[in-house]
């Protein structure tokens, strides 16, 4: 800048999403119903899960927290991962993907044929 002054402030510069939303994650509690064929006492089980939506790249992953002595096969320490982190296409339009606006408490998500019902969200997600 001529004259040695500071350059003018330019607030119009766009910050990339991967910088603006770095380490910002929406966390939802959800569940799905799993049919049970081995028992006459129950027709289905409710499987509680946690859905993580990453704002930086619009990807999500779903895991089931490990529950001790549940009788359900689960992972070693952290639990079962139902959906590895990636952008998930919508079932009605494979060229479009789920976005943050598609996630809300009370909504159902059809992810690869399994229907998840979102029941709760953490404080950051609600804000």
Foldseek 3Di string as FASTA:
>chain_A
DPPPDDDDDDPPDDDQLCVVQPPPKWKFKKWFWAADDPDPVDGTDIFIKIKIARRSARWIWIFGADDPPPPDDFDDHGTGTPGPTDFFAAPVDRVDTDGLVQDDQQDWGQGVNTIMHTHGTDPSNVD
